[in-house]
Amino acid sequence: MIDDPAYFAGFPKLTSRKIKSPIDPSYNCFAFAVEITDIPWAPVKQGGVYWPAGVPFEDTLDAYSQAYASRGYEPCQSADIELGYEKIVIYELDGKPWHAARQLENGNWVSKMGSAVDIEHPEADSLEGPMGHVALIMRRERTQ
């Protein structure tokens, strides 16, 4: 399934990818963007899902921005690699956040593909297309 090009058909700009993990439904892309791999992040009030305290339970770009701000991220203008910073991008589809990705130190990006695998891709906009677009870029200082 994951090796089937049809699985990635909604991402016409995704010309290269490297699978980085096995299938694991225990977390989602929003958690993975901040390196959490044991629980999904979502603005819902239910067990087994995390949402930062004090952030509105809303499926909006503003609420997701506040969630990542609780982890030290701030909005920025460019997805280009920037020495001393780690970056994330939030994608929107039909006015709703639908995906998040994290930039690696080498400038590539990693994404959790639904409940499936994590992939490495070369650009933040590699996942743009009929599945949405980059709506917000955020950064925080690297701690390592």
Foldseek 3Di string as FASTA:
>chain_A
DVVDVVVLVQQVLQPDKDFDFFQAQQEFQLCVQVPDDHAYEALDPDPRHDFDPPQHSDQAPVSSQVRVVVVVKDFDDDLFDDPQKKKKWFWDDPRGTDHMWIADNVGWIWGGDNSGTIMTGRGPQSRDGNVTGTDTMIMGGDPD
